[in-house]
Amino acid sequence: MQAIVIHAAKDLRVEEREAGTPGPGEVLVSLAAGGICGSDLHYYNHGGFGVVRLKEPMVLGHEVSGKISALGEGVSGLALGDLVAVSPSRPCGGCSYCQKGQHNHCENMRFYGSAMPFPHIQGAFQQSLVAQAVQCVKADGLSAGEAAMAEPLSVCLHATRRAGEILGKKVLITGSGPIGALCVLAARSAGAAEIVVTDLSDSVLAYATQVGADRVINTASEPEALSAYAVGKGYFDVHYECSGAAPALAGAIPTLKPRAVILQLGLGGDMSLPVQAMTAKELDWRGSFRFHEEFAIAVRLMQLGQIDVKPLISHTMGFADAVKAFDLAGDRSQAMKVQLAFG
């Protein structure tokens, strides 16, 4: 079979890899669609991020869907030909965090396409993928592209749960990439009354409008536009910080009401927090990292039509054109979510 393998920064290859065979409790998935994520782009453009660096060739990808092509011993609830969304998250189930239900903090997590451990954990951008049956959620009624969006949507649903009560709240989202735009959908699904989204690019803000943002602000061309929301100690109840940029967080603080909740999703590196201003307003800063049970919820919400991710899939390209697809995915003026078609 063929797989998409990163060897070093800007050295991405489609090459042959040996196909696996499903063991007990496992299935073989013929991949149909795979979304290119920000972490994939970090490996492609920089060979890693922060202290995490590639030390050996690694298959990329973790936002995937496909059809069941073989069943291992003891698998039930899945059938040959089923379209499934495949969770990239494989917690051990036995560590103290898994036992407490905090599977996203598993001490022995195996997450597709990660260079954090060595040997690296190979990713899911391969024509045939052996997965645990428990990773697979049936995606009847969805397209392969929609099913592959379950992973990034799960990230946003987890953050929304971390926020607590959203019903009737005013929400600010900084950063309108795929995660920011999906947070619009997640917050609206949870009952947000008003959603304002900021970014530096009109092209990505257009997607936020398309999925239901009440207002979008280009803070590059309108640097003072947020100041109107700072009157009377602030306006917003919840802030999803999706850019990973310290100026975005600092610029949002004056617009937040006392005791507002900040959800940090963006991972742009270490950030300096305006602690004095946050303390004076009694703001709650909450990290949000990955997901677990939200994955099946994401699939179900799409199946019910309560969340529509289709407007965010801007491009679909054949996996043989992986290099072109990765270059396009990194161009915010042209693309939102670029997916690879494996079928």
C-alpha atoms as a PDB file:
ATOM      1  CA  MET A   1       0.000   0.000   0.000  1.00  0.00           C
ATOM      2  CA  GLN A   2       0.989   3.657  -0.243  1.00  0.00           C
ATOM      3  CA  ALA A   3       1.386   6.119   2.601  1.00  0.00           C
ATOM      4  CA  ILE A   4       2.229   9.811   2.983  1.00  0.00           C
ATOM      5  CA  VAL A   5       5.542  10.023   4.833  1.00  0.00           C
ATOM      6  CA  ILE A   6       7.433  13.052   6.145  1.00  0.00           C
ATOM      7  CA  HIS A   7      11.228  12.659   6.196  1.00  0.00           C
ATOM      8  CA  ALA A   8      12.254  16.224   7.067  1.00  0.00           C
ATOM      9  CA  ALA A   9      10.974  19.755   6.596  1.00  0.00           C
ATOM     10  CA  LYS A  10       9.654  20.097   3.023  1.00  0.00           C
ATOM     11  CA  ASP A  11      10.525  16.461   2.317  1.00  0.00           C
ATOM     12  CA  LEU A  12       7.147  14.765   1.957  1.00  0.00           C
ATOM     13  CA  ARG A  13       6.881  11.546  -0.032  1.00  0.00           C
ATOM     14  CA  VAL A  14       4.208   9.116  -1.157  1.00  0.00           C
ATOM     15  CA  GLU A  15       5.861   5.754  -0.699  1.00  0.00           C
ATOM     16  CA  GLU A  16       5.202   2.072  -0.258  1.00  0.00           C
ATOM     17  CA  ARG A  17       4.570   0.665   3.215  1.00  0.00           C
ATOM     18  CA  GLU A  18       3.600  -2.856   4.236  1.00  0.00           C
ATOM     19  CA  ALA A  19      -0.118  -3.266   4.898  1.00  0.00           C
ATOM     20  CA  GLY A  20      -1.127  -4.645   8.286  1.00  0.00           C
ATOM     21  CA  THR A  21      -3.524  -7.388   9.281  1.00  0.00           C
ATOM     22  CA  PRO A  22      -6.155  -6.834  11.988  1.00  0.00           C
ATOM     23  CA  GLY A  23      -5.740  -8.837  15.159  1.00  0.00           C
ATOM     24  CA  PRO A  24      -8.307  -9.558  17.880  1.00  0.00           C
ATOM     25  CA  GLY A  25     -10.475  -6.513  18.528  1.00  0.00           C
ATOM     26  CA  GLU A  26      -9.093  -4.720  15.475  1.00  0.00           C
ATOM     27  CA  VAL A  27     -10.359  -3.823  12.014  1.00  0.00           C
ATOM     28  CA  LEU A  28      -8.777  -2.961   8.692  1.00  0.00           C
ATOM     29  CA  VAL A  29      -9.984   0.361   7.277  1.00  0.00           C
ATOM     30  CA  SER A  30      -9.617   1.285   3.617  1.00  0.00           C
ATOM     31  CA  LEU A  31      -9.026   4.988   3.964  1.00  0.00           C
ATOM     32  CA  ALA A  32     -11.414   7.315   2.125  1.00  0.00           C
ATOM     33  CA  ALA A  33     -10.636  10.849   3.362  1.00  0.00           C
ATOM     34  CA  GLY A  34      -8.021  12.564   5.480  1.00  0.00           C
ATOM     35  CA  GLY A  35      -7.846  16.183   6.605  1.00  0.00           C
ATOM     36  CA  ILE A  36      -4.566  18.085   6.811  1.00  0.00           C
ATOM     37  CA  CYS A  37      -4.206  19.539  10.315  1.00  0.00           C
ATOM     38  CA  GLY A  38      -2.055  22.332  11.714  1.00  0.00           C
ATOM     39  CA  SER A  39       0.253  19.822  13.381  1.00  0.00           C
ATOM     40  CA  ASP A  40       0.765  18.059  10.037  1.00  0.00           C
ATOM     41  CA  LEU A  41       1.757  21.422   8.576  1.00  0.00           C
ATOM     42  CA  HIS A  42       4.273  22.005  11.380  1.00  0.00           C
ATOM     43  CA  TYR A  43       6.005  18.740  10.511  1.00  0.00           C
ATOM     44  CA  TYR A  44       5.872  19.564   6.799  1.00  0.00           C
ATOM     45  CA  ASN A  45       7.090  23.145   7.053  1.00  0.00           C
ATOM     46  CA  HIS A  46       9.460  22.945  10.027  1.00  0.00           C
ATOM     47  CA  GLY A  47      10.206  19.295  10.751  1.00  0.00           C
ATOM     48  CA  GLY A  48       8.384  19.567  14.084  1.00  0.00           C
ATOM     49  CA  PHE A  49       7.288  22.158  16.616  1.00  0.00           C
ATOM     50  CA  GLY A  50       8.889  23.430  19.805  1.00  0.00           C
ATOM     51  CA  VAL A  51      11.205  20.749  21.164  1.00  0.00           C
ATOM     52  CA  VAL A  52       9.398  18.019  19.203  1.00  0.00           C
ATOM     53  CA  ARG A  53      11.499  17.157  16.135  1.00  0.00           C
ATOM     54  CA  LEU A  54      11.414  14.397  13.548  1.00  0.00           C
ATOM     55  CA  LYS A  55      14.069  11.780  14.212  1.00  0.00           C
ATOM     56  CA  GLU A  56      12.906   9.226  11.663  1.00  0.00           C
ATOM     57  CA  PRO A  57      10.461   9.080   8.724  1.00  0.00           C
ATOM     58  CA  MET A  58       6.866   9.211   9.931  1.00  0.00           C
ATOM     59  CA  VAL A  59       3.481   8.689   8.312  1.00  0.00           C
ATOM     60  CA  LEU A  60       1.422  11.843   8.860  1.00  0.00           C
ATOM     61  CA  GLY A  61      -2.296  12.324   9.475  1.00  0.00           C
ATOM     62  CA  HIS A  62      -4.919  11.836  12.152  1.00  0.00           C
ATOM     63  CA  GLU A  63      -8.202  13.270  10.775  1.00  0.00           C
ATOM     64  CA  VAL A  64      -9.463  10.281   8.804  1.00  0.00           C
ATOM     65  CA  SER A  65     -12.414   8.183   7.731  1.00  0.00           C
ATOM     66  CA  GLY A  66     -12.778   5.044   5.645  1.00  0.00           C
ATOM     67  CA  LYS A  67     -14.651   1.820   5.065  1.00  0.00           C
ATOM     68  CA  ILE A  68     -14.212  -1.406   6.996  1.00  0.00           C
ATOM     69  CA  SER A  69     -12.471  -3.944   4.737  1.00  0.00           C
ATOM     70  CA  ALA A  70     -11.647  -6.689   7.251  1.00  0.00           C
ATOM     71  CA  LEU A  71     -12.687  -7.642  10.775  1.00  0.00           C
ATOM     72  CA  GLY A  72     -10.424  -9.115  13.425  1.00  0.00           C
ATOM     73  CA  GLU A  73     -11.494 -11.824  15.827  1.00  0.00           C
ATOM     74  CA  GLY A  74     -14.134 -10.824  18.352  1.00  0.00           C
ATOM     75  CA  VAL A  75     -15.226  -7.592  16.672  1.00  0.00           C
ATOM     76  CA  SER A  76     -18.944  -6.860  16.872  1.00  0.00           C
ATOM     77  CA  GLY A  77     -21.089  -3.865  15.969  1.00  0.00           C
ATOM     78  CA  LEU A  78     -19.164  -3.186  12.766  1.00  0.00           C
ATOM     79  CA  ALA A  79     -19.598  -4.787   9.337  1.00  0.00           C
ATOM     80  CA  LEU A  80     -17.667  -4.941   6.106  1.00  0.00           C
ATOM     81  CA  GLY A  81     -18.324  -1.825   4.060  1.00  0.00           C
ATOM     82  CA  ASP A  82     -19.315   0.394   7.001  1.00  0.00           C
ATOM     83  CA  LEU A  83     -18.141   3.993   6.685  1.00  0.00           C
ATOM     84  CA  VAL A  84     -16.431   4.920   9.944  1.00  0.00           C
ATOM     85  CA  ALA A  85     -14.794   7.956  11.464  1.00  0.00           C
ATOM     86  CA  VAL A  86     -11.551   6.790  13.067  1.00  0.00           C
ATOM     87  CA  SER A  87     -10.472   8.432  16.306  1.00  0.00           C
ATOM     88  CA  PRO A  88      -6.691   8.943  16.391  1.00  0.00           C
ATOM     89  CA  SER A  89      -6.761   8.756  20.182  1.00  0.00           C
ATOM     90  CA  ARG A  90      -5.713   5.438  21.717  1.00  0.00           C
ATOM     91  CA  PRO A  91      -5.498   5.781  25.507  1.00  0.00           C
ATOM     92  CA  CYS A  92      -4.241   2.795  27.472  1.00  0.00           C
ATOM     93  CA  GLY A  93      -7.287   2.471  29.712  1.00  0.00           C
ATOM     94  CA  GLY A  94      -5.207   1.402  32.685  1.00  0.00           C
ATOM     95  CA  CYS A  95      -3.322   4.447  33.970  1.00  0.00           C
ATOM     96  CA  SER A  96      -4.642   6.625  36.797  1.00  0.00           C
ATOM     97  CA  TYR A  97      -5.981   9.278  34.419  1.00  0.00           C
ATOM     98  CA  CYS A  98      -7.847   6.764  32.283  1.00  0.00           C
ATOM     99  CA  GLN A  99      -9.306   5.267  35.447  1.00  0.00           C
ATOM    100  CA  LYS A 100     -10.564   8.722  36.449  1.00  0.00           C
ATOM    101  CA  GLY A 101     -12.202   9.193  33.024  1.00  0.00           C
ATOM    102  CA  GLN A 102      -9.586  11.713  31.897  1.00  0.00           C
ATOM    103  CA  HIS A 103      -8.566   9.687  28.848  1.00  0.00           C
ATOM    104  CA  ASN A 104      -7.176  12.710  26.998  1.00  0.00           C
ATOM    105  CA  HIS A 105      -4.458  12.874  29.686  1.00  0.00           C
ATOM    106  CA  CYS A 106      -3.508   9.204  29.400  1.00  0.00           C
ATOM    107  CA  GLU A 107       0.089   8.645  30.488  1.00  0.00           C
ATOM    108  CA  ASN A 108       0.593   6.104  27.697  1.00  0.00           C
ATOM    109  CA  MET A 109      -1.362   7.785  24.909  1.00  0.00           C
ATOM    110  CA  ARG A 110      -0.813   6.553  21.361  1.00  0.00           C
ATOM    111  CA  PHE A 111      -1.982   9.342  19.042  1.00  0.00           C
ATOM    112  CA  TYR A 112      -1.586   8.974  15.288  1.00  0.00           C
ATOM    113  CA  GLY A 113       1.222  10.920  13.638  1.00  0.00           C
ATOM    114  CA  SER A 114       3.207  12.080  16.670  1.00  0.00           C
ATOM    115  CA  ALA A 115       6.968  12.564  16.883  1.00  0.00           C
ATOM    116  CA  MET A 116       6.839  13.183  20.635  1.00  0.00           C
ATOM    117  CA  PRO A 117       7.996   9.642  21.522  1.00  0.00           C
ATOM    118  CA  PHE A 118      10.728   7.686  19.797  1.00  0.00           C
ATOM    119  CA  PRO A 119      10.169   5.503  17.865  1.00  0.00           C
ATOM    120  CA  HIS A 120       7.532   7.853  16.498  1.00  0.00           C
ATOM    121  CA  ILE A 121       3.849   6.943  16.417  1.00  0.00           C
ATOM    122  CA  GLN A 122       2.994   6.453  12.767  1.00  0.00           C
ATOM    123  CA  GLY A 123       0.019   8.360  11.383  1.00  0.00           C
ATOM    124  CA  ALA A 124      -3.120   7.439   9.479  1.00  0.00           C
ATOM    125  CA  PHE A 125      -2.451   8.784   5.962  1.00  0.00           C
ATOM    126  CA  GLN A 126      -2.137   5.309   4.458  1.00  0.00           C
ATOM    127  CA  GLN A 127      -4.373   3.432   2.095  1.00  0.00           C
ATOM    128  CA  SER A 128      -5.066   0.652   4.611  1.00  0.00           C
ATOM    129  CA  LEU A 129      -5.119   1.318   8.334  1.00  0.00           C
ATOM    130  CA  VAL A 130      -5.288  -1.225  11.154  1.00  0.00           C
ATOM    131  CA  ALA A 131      -7.312   0.328  13.978  1.00  0.00           C
ATOM    132  CA  GLN A 132      -8.886  -0.817  17.196  1.00  0.00           C
ATOM    133  CA  ALA A 133     -12.594  -1.407  16.745  1.00  0.00           C
ATOM    134  CA  VAL A 134     -13.298   0.947  19.668  1.00  0.00           C
ATOM    135  CA  GLN A 135     -11.670   3.779  17.709  1.00  0.00           C
ATOM    136  CA  CYS A 136     -14.244   3.471  14.925  1.00  0.00           C
ATOM    137  CA  VAL A 137     -17.585   5.249  14.999  1.00  0.00           C
ATOM    138  CA  LYS A 138     -20.118   4.354  12.320  1.00  0.00           C
ATOM    139  CA  ALA A 139     -20.805   7.384  10.148  1.00  0.00           C
ATOM    140  CA  ASP A 140     -23.934   6.315   8.268  1.00  0.00           C
ATOM    141  CA  GLY A 141     -25.481   9.179   6.319  1.00  0.00           C
ATOM    142  CA  LEU A 142     -22.310  11.264   6.214  1.00  0.00           C
ATOM    143  CA  SER A 143     -19.859  11.741   3.392  1.00  0.00           C
ATOM    144  CA  ALA A 144     -16.294  10.519   3.921  1.00  0.00           C
ATOM    145  CA  GLY A 145     -15.187  14.147   4.094  1.00  0.00           C
ATOM    146  CA  GLU A 146     -17.688  14.975   6.829  1.00  0.00           C
ATOM    147  CA  ALA A 147     -16.709  11.882   8.804  1.00  0.00           C
ATOM    148  CA  ALA A 148     -13.050  12.935   8.660  1.00  0.00           C
ATOM    149  CA  MET A 149     -14.020  16.245  10.317  1.00  0.00           C
ATOM    150  CA  ALA A 150     -15.069  14.420  13.497  1.00  0.00           C
ATOM    151  CA  GLU A 151     -11.595  14.781  15.000  1.00  0.00           C
ATOM    152  CA  PRO A 152     -11.203  18.592  14.816  1.00  0.00           C
ATOM    153  CA  LEU A 153     -14.872  19.032  15.749  1.00  0.00           C
ATOM    154  CA  SER A 154     -14.244  16.875  18.834  1.00  0.00           C
ATOM    155  CA  VAL A 155     -11.493  19.271  19.923  1.00  0.00           C
ATOM    156  CA  CYS A 156     -14.016  22.128  19.847  1.00  0.00           C
ATOM    157  CA  LEU A 157     -16.742  20.159  21.597  1.00  0.00           C
ATOM    158  CA  HIS A 158     -14.309  19.291  24.389  1.00  0.00           C
ATOM    159  CA  ALA A 159     -13.436  22.977  24.792  1.00  0.00           C
ATOM    160  CA  THR A 160     -17.129  23.844  24.891  1.00  0.00           C
ATOM    161  CA  ARG A 161     -17.661  21.359  27.716  1.00  0.00           C
ATOM    162  CA  ARG A 162     -14.724  22.904  29.548  1.00  0.00           C
ATOM    163  CA  ALA A 163     -16.472  26.283  29.305  1.00  0.00           C
ATOM    164  CA  GLY A 164     -19.454  25.178  31.357  1.00  0.00           C
ATOM    165  CA  GLU A 165     -22.784  26.883  30.693  1.00  0.00           C
ATOM    166  CA  ILE A 166     -22.893  28.506  27.221  1.00  0.00           C
ATOM    167  CA  LEU A 167     -26.654  28.903  26.804  1.00  0.00           C
ATOM    168  CA  GLY A 168     -27.465  32.561  26.234  1.00  0.00           C
ATOM    169  CA  LYS A 169     -23.829  33.654  26.565  1.00  0.00           C
ATOM    170  CA  LYS A 170     -21.883  36.144  24.425  1.00  0.00           C
ATOM    171  CA  VAL A 171     -18.822  34.497  22.884  1.00  0.00           C
ATOM    172  CA  LEU A 172     -15.572  35.856  21.445  1.00  0.00           C
ATOM    173  CA  ILE A 173     -13.407  33.623  19.240  1.00  0.00           C
ATOM    174  CA  THR A 174      -9.894  34.775  18.350  1.00  0.00           C
ATOM    175  CA  GLY A 175      -8.436  32.952  15.367  1.00  0.00           C
ATOM    176  CA  SER A 176     -10.610  31.800  12.473  1.00  0.00           C
ATOM    177  CA  GLY A 177      -8.728  28.804  11.161  1.00  0.00           C
ATOM    178  CA  PRO A 178     -10.462  25.419  11.060  1.00  0.00           C
ATOM    179  CA  ILE A 179     -10.578  25.153  14.863  1.00  0.00           C
ATOM    180  CA  GLY A 180     -11.910  28.685  15.312  1.00  0.00           C
ATOM    181  CA  ALA A 181     -14.589  28.172  12.667  1.00  0.00           C
ATOM    182  CA  LEU A 182     -15.585  24.822  14.192  1.00  0.00           C
ATOM    183  CA  CYS A 183     -15.822  26.554  17.580  1.00  0.00           C
ATOM    184  CA  VAL A 184     -18.477  28.800  16.035  1.00  0.00           C
ATOM    185  CA  LEU A 185     -20.499  25.681  15.258  1.00  0.00           C
ATOM    186  CA  ALA A 186     -19.849  24.116  18.668  1.00  0.00           C
ATOM    187  CA  ALA A 187     -20.729  27.258  20.620  1.00  0.00           C
ATOM    188  CA  ARG A 188     -23.894  27.832  18.605  1.00  0.00           C
ATOM    189  CA  SER A 189     -24.929  24.220  19.111  1.00  0.00           C
ATOM    190  CA  ALA A 190     -24.496  24.764  22.862  1.00  0.00           C
ATOM    191  CA  GLY A 191     -26.816  27.785  22.783  1.00  0.00           C
ATOM    192  CA  ALA A 192     -24.516  30.813  22.473  1.00  0.00           C
ATOM    193  CA  ALA A 193     -26.587  33.978  21.960  1.00  0.00           C
ATOM    194  CA  GLU A 194     -23.932  35.989  20.121  1.00  0.00           C
ATOM    195  CA  ILE A 195     -20.623  35.044  18.514  1.00  0.00           C
ATOM    196  CA  VAL A 196     -17.915  37.471  17.367  1.00  0.00           C
ATOM    197  CA  VAL A 197     -14.817  36.163  15.573  1.00  0.00           C
ATOM    198  CA  THR A 198     -11.510  37.943  14.981  1.00  0.00           C
ATOM    199  CA  ASP A 199      -8.574  37.170  12.707  1.00  0.00           C
ATOM    200  CA  LEU A 200      -6.011  38.923  10.517  1.00  0.00           C
ATOM    201  CA  SER A 201      -7.373  37.509   7.248  1.00  0.00           C
ATOM    202  CA  ASP A 202     -10.621  38.375   5.488  1.00  0.00           C
ATOM    203  CA  SER A 203     -10.563  35.095   3.562  1.00  0.00           C
ATOM    204  CA  VAL A 204     -10.760  32.891   6.649  1.00  0.00           C
ATOM    205  CA  LEU A 205     -13.210  35.232   8.377  1.00  0.00           C
ATOM    206  CA  ALA A 206     -15.569  34.662   5.455  1.00  0.00           C
ATOM    207  CA  TYR A 207     -15.826  31.020   6.526  1.00  0.00           C
ATOM    208  CA  ALA A 208     -16.744  32.082  10.080  1.00  0.00           C
ATOM    209  CA  THR A 209     -19.570  34.152   8.661  1.00  0.00           C
ATOM    210  CA  GLN A 210     -20.694  31.230   6.530  1.00  0.00           C
ATOM    211  CA  VAL A 211     -21.033  28.921   9.538  1.00  0.00           C
ATOM    212  CA  GLY A 212     -22.959  31.412  11.637  1.00  0.00           C
ATOM    213  CA  ALA A 213     -20.784  34.044  13.319  1.00  0.00           C
ATOM    214  CA  ASP A 214     -22.814  37.178  14.093  1.00  0.00           C
ATOM    215  CA  ARG A 215     -19.884  39.483  13.398  1.00  0.00           C
ATOM    216  CA  VAL A 216     -16.331  39.094  12.141  1.00  0.00           C
ATOM    217  CA  ILE A 217     -13.519  41.582  12.720  1.00  0.00           C
ATOM    218  CA  ASN A 218     -10.226  41.839  10.852  1.00  0.00           C
ATOM    219  CA  THR A 219      -7.982  43.155  13.608  1.00  0.00           C
ATOM    220  CA  ALA A 220      -5.273  44.012  11.075  1.00  0.00           C
ATOM    221  CA  SER A 221      -7.470  46.429   9.135  1.00  0.00           C
ATOM    222  CA  GLU A 222      -9.683  47.394  12.111  1.00  0.00           C
ATOM    223  CA  PRO A 223      -7.285  47.403  15.091  1.00  0.00           C
ATOM    224  CA  GLU A 224      -9.643  49.437  17.297  1.00  0.00           C
ATOM    225  CA  ALA A 225     -12.842  47.562  16.499  1.00  0.00           C
ATOM    226  CA  LEU A 226     -12.762  45.450  19.665  1.00  0.00           C
ATOM    227  CA  SER A 227     -12.503  48.518  21.921  1.00  0.00           C
ATOM    228  CA  ALA A 228     -16.273  49.052  21.736  1.00  0.00           C
ATOM    229  CA  TYR A 229     -16.703  45.777  23.625  1.00  0.00           C
ATOM    230  CA  ALA A 230     -14.508  46.981  26.519  1.00  0.00           C
ATOM    231  CA  VAL A 231     -17.052  49.540  27.766  1.00  0.00           C
ATOM    232  CA  GLY A 232     -18.446  48.885  31.236  1.00  0.00           C
ATOM    233  CA  LYS A 233     -15.848  46.299  32.249  1.00  0.00           C
ATOM    234  CA  GLY A 234     -16.398  44.154  29.176  1.00  0.00           C
ATOM    235  CA  TYR A 235     -19.006  42.387  27.082  1.00  0.00           C
ATOM    236  CA  PHE A 236     -18.157  38.727  26.466  1.00  0.00           C
ATOM    237  CA  ASP A 237     -18.851  35.836  28.806  1.00  0.00           C
ATOM    238  CA  VAL A 238     -16.670  33.231  27.056  1.00  0.00           C
ATOM    239  CA  HIS A 239     -13.489  33.534  25.007  1.00  0.00           C
ATOM    240  CA  TYR A 240     -12.220  30.731  22.773  1.00  0.00           C
ATOM    241  CA  GLU A 241      -8.553  31.568  22.070  1.00  0.00           C
ATOM    242  CA  CYS A 242      -7.746  29.601  18.908  1.00  0.00           C
ATOM    243  CA  SER A 243      -4.825  31.550  17.449  1.00  0.00           C
ATOM    244  CA  GLY A 244      -2.054  30.674  19.892  1.00  0.00           C
ATOM    245  CA  ALA A 245      -0.906  34.311  19.595  1.00  0.00           C
ATOM    246  CA  ALA A 246      -0.222  36.273  22.779  1.00  0.00           C
ATOM    247  CA  PRO A 247      -1.435  39.600  21.266  1.00  0.00           C
ATOM    248  CA  ALA A 248      -4.835  38.019  20.535  1.00  0.00           C
ATOM    249  CA  LEU A 249      -5.245  36.953  24.148  1.00  0.00           C
ATOM    250  CA  ALA A 250      -4.018  40.281  25.554  1.00  0.00           C
ATOM    251  CA  GLY A 251      -6.293  42.220  23.211  1.00  0.00           C
ATOM    252  CA  ALA A 252      -9.305  40.200  24.301  1.00  0.00           C
ATOM    253  CA  ILE A 253      -8.911  40.704  28.064  1.00  0.00           C
ATOM    254  CA  PRO A 254     -10.485  44.216  28.155  1.00  0.00           C
ATOM    255  CA  THR A 255     -13.554  42.916  26.279  1.00  0.00           C
ATOM    256  CA  LEU A 256     -14.282  40.126  28.794  1.00  0.00           C
ATOM    257  CA  LYS A 257     -16.733  40.545  31.644  1.00  0.00           C
ATOM    258  CA  PRO A 258     -15.560  39.910  35.195  1.00  0.00           C
ATOM    259  CA  ARG A 259     -15.537  36.147  35.852  1.00  0.00           C
ATOM    260  CA  ALA A 260     -15.593  35.325  32.150  1.00  0.00           C
ATOM    261  CA  VAL A 261     -14.047  32.032  31.014  1.00  0.00           C
ATOM    262  CA  ILE A 262     -11.070  31.862  28.652  1.00  0.00           C
ATOM    263  CA  LEU A 263     -10.565  28.584  26.769  1.00  0.00           C
ATOM    264  CA  GLN A 264      -7.066  28.145  25.391  1.00  0.00           C
ATOM    265  CA  LEU A 265      -7.049  25.937  22.295  1.00  0.00           C
ATOM    266  CA  GLY A 266      -4.343  27.627  20.216  1.00  0.00           C
ATOM    267  CA  LEU A 267      -0.886  26.108  20.640  1.00  0.00           C
ATOM    268  CA  GLY A 268       1.502  28.625  19.136  1.00  0.00           C
ATOM    269  CA  GLY A 269       4.179  28.163  21.764  1.00  0.00           C
ATOM    270  CA  ASP A 270       4.663  29.653  25.219  1.00  0.00           C
ATOM    271  CA  MET A 271       2.568  32.770  25.791  1.00  0.00           C
ATOM    272  CA  SER A 272       2.860  35.551  28.337  1.00  0.00           C
ATOM    273  CA  LEU A 273      -0.404  36.045  30.211  1.00  0.00           C
ATOM    274  CA  PRO A 274      -1.584  39.486  31.389  1.00  0.00           C
ATOM    275  CA  VAL A 275      -1.986  38.083  34.886  1.00  0.00           C
ATOM    276  CA  GLN A 276      -2.686  41.373  36.666  1.00  0.00           C
ATOM    277  CA  ALA A 277      -5.606  42.264  34.402  1.00  0.00           C
ATOM    278  CA  MET A 278      -6.904  38.679  34.552  1.00  0.00           C
ATOM    279  CA  THR A 279      -6.727  38.688  38.338  1.00  0.00           C
ATOM    280  CA  ALA A 280      -8.526  42.030  38.663  1.00  0.00           C
ATOM    281  CA  LYS A 281     -11.403  40.678  36.573  1.00  0.00           C
ATOM    282  CA  GLU A 282     -11.370  37.263  38.266  1.00  0.00           C
ATOM    283  CA  LEU A 283     -11.110  35.607  34.870  1.00  0.00           C
ATOM    284  CA  ASP A 284     -10.927  31.817  34.584  1.00  0.00           C
ATOM    285  CA  TRP A 285      -8.241  30.643  32.158  1.00  0.00           C
ATOM    286  CA  ARG A 286      -8.815  27.004  31.194  1.00  0.00           C
ATOM    287  CA  GLY A 287      -6.637  24.872  28.998  1.00  0.00           C
ATOM    288  CA  SER A 288      -8.368  22.542  26.566  1.00  0.00           C
ATOM    289  CA  PHE A 289      -6.455  19.590  25.142  1.00  0.00           C
ATOM    290  CA  ARG A 290      -7.667  16.942  22.722  1.00  0.00           C
ATOM    291  CA  PHE A 291     -10.881  14.989  23.525  1.00  0.00           C
ATOM    292  CA  HIS A 292     -12.209  11.500  24.147  1.00  0.00           C
ATOM    293  CA  GLU A 293     -15.924  10.751  24.444  1.00  0.00           C
ATOM    294  CA  GLU A 294     -16.655  13.860  22.367  1.00  0.00           C
ATOM    295  CA  PHE A 295     -15.571  11.976  19.225  1.00  0.00           C
ATOM    296  CA  ALA A 296     -18.727   9.874  19.031  1.00  0.00           C
ATOM    297  CA  ILE A 297     -20.790  12.923  19.974  1.00  0.00           C
ATOM    298  CA  ALA A 298     -19.269  14.847  17.056  1.00  0.00           C
ATOM    299  CA  VAL A 299     -20.313  12.147  14.611  1.00  0.00           C
ATOM    300  CA  ARG A 300     -23.817  12.036  16.055  1.00  0.00           C
ATOM    301  CA  LEU A 301     -24.306  15.814  15.908  1.00  0.00           C
ATOM    302  CA  MET A 302     -23.341  15.784  12.234  1.00  0.00           C
ATOM    303  CA  GLN A 303     -25.651  12.849  11.540  1.00  0.00           C
ATOM    304  CA  LEU A 304     -28.546  14.689  13.190  1.00  0.00           C
ATOM    305  CA  GLY A 305     -27.879  17.774  11.085  1.00  0.00           C
ATOM    306  CA  GLN A 306     -27.270  19.889  14.186  1.00  0.00           C
ATOM    307  CA  ILE A 307     -23.745  20.732  13.014  1.00  0.00           C
ATOM    308  CA  ASP A 308     -22.862  21.151   9.331  1.00  0.00           C
ATOM    309  CA  VAL A 309     -19.129  21.075   8.625  1.00  0.00           C
ATOM    310  CA  LYS A 310     -19.413  20.906   4.835  1.00  0.00           C
ATOM    311  CA  PRO A 311     -18.844  24.655   4.257  1.00  0.00           C
ATOM    312  CA  LEU A 312     -15.413  24.368   5.882  1.00  0.00           C
ATOM    313  CA  ILE A 313     -14.069  21.691   3.519  1.00  0.00           C
ATOM    314  CA  SER A 314     -12.556  24.078   1.001  1.00  0.00           C
ATOM    315  CA  HIS A 315     -10.537  21.626  -1.112  1.00  0.00           C
ATOM    316  CA  THR A 316     -10.305  17.887  -1.782  1.00  0.00           C
ATOM    317  CA  MET A 317      -7.264  16.529  -3.617  1.00  0.00           C
ATOM    318  CA  GLY A 318      -5.955  13.082  -4.491  1.00  0.00           C
ATOM    319  CA  PHE A 319      -3.384  11.693  -2.063  1.00  0.00           C
ATOM    320  CA  ALA A 320      -0.912  11.333  -4.943  1.00  0.00           C
ATOM    321  CA  ASP A 321      -0.844  15.155  -4.990  1.00  0.00           C
ATOM    322  CA  ALA A 322       0.047  15.324  -1.305  1.00  0.00           C
ATOM    323  CA  VAL A 323       2.802  17.922  -1.678  1.00  0.00           C
ATOM    324  CA  LYS A 324       0.504  20.284  -3.588  1.00  0.00           C
ATOM    325  CA  ALA A 325      -2.219  19.667  -1.016  1.00  0.00           C
ATOM    326  CA  PHE A 326       0.087  20.509   1.893  1.00  0.00           C
ATOM    327  CA  ASP A 327       1.289  23.679   0.178  1.00  0.00           C
ATOM    328  CA  LEU A 328      -2.317  24.706  -0.412  1.00  0.00           C
ATOM    329  CA  ALA A 329      -3.336  23.902   3.165  1.00  0.00           C
ATOM    330  CA  GLY A 330      -0.684  26.307   4.418  1.00  0.00           C
ATOM    331  CA  ASP A 331      -2.026  29.180   2.302  1.00  0.00           C
ATOM    332  CA  ARG A 332      -4.680  30.923   4.403  1.00  0.00           C
ATOM    333  CA  SER A 333      -5.599  33.193   1.508  1.00  0.00           C
ATOM    334  CA  GLN A 334      -6.908  30.195  -0.441  1.00  0.00           C
ATOM    335  CA  ALA A 335      -7.791  27.354   1.897  1.00  0.00           C
ATOM    336  CA  MET A 336      -9.678  26.500   5.064  1.00  0.00           C
ATOM    337  CA  LYS A 337      -9.663  22.701   5.414  1.00  0.00           C
ATOM    338  CA  VAL A 338      -7.851  20.727   2.719  1.00  0.00           C
ATOM    339  CA  GLN A 339      -8.670  17.030   2.596  1.00  0.00           C
ATOM    340  CA  LEU A 340      -7.001  14.174   0.775  1.00  0.00           C
ATOM    341  CA  ALA A 341      -9.118  11.603  -1.091  1.00  0.00           C
ATOM    342  CA  PHE A 342      -7.715   8.084  -0.785  1.00  0.00           C
ATOM    343  CA  GLY A 343     -10.468   6.213  -2.603  1.00  0.00           C
END
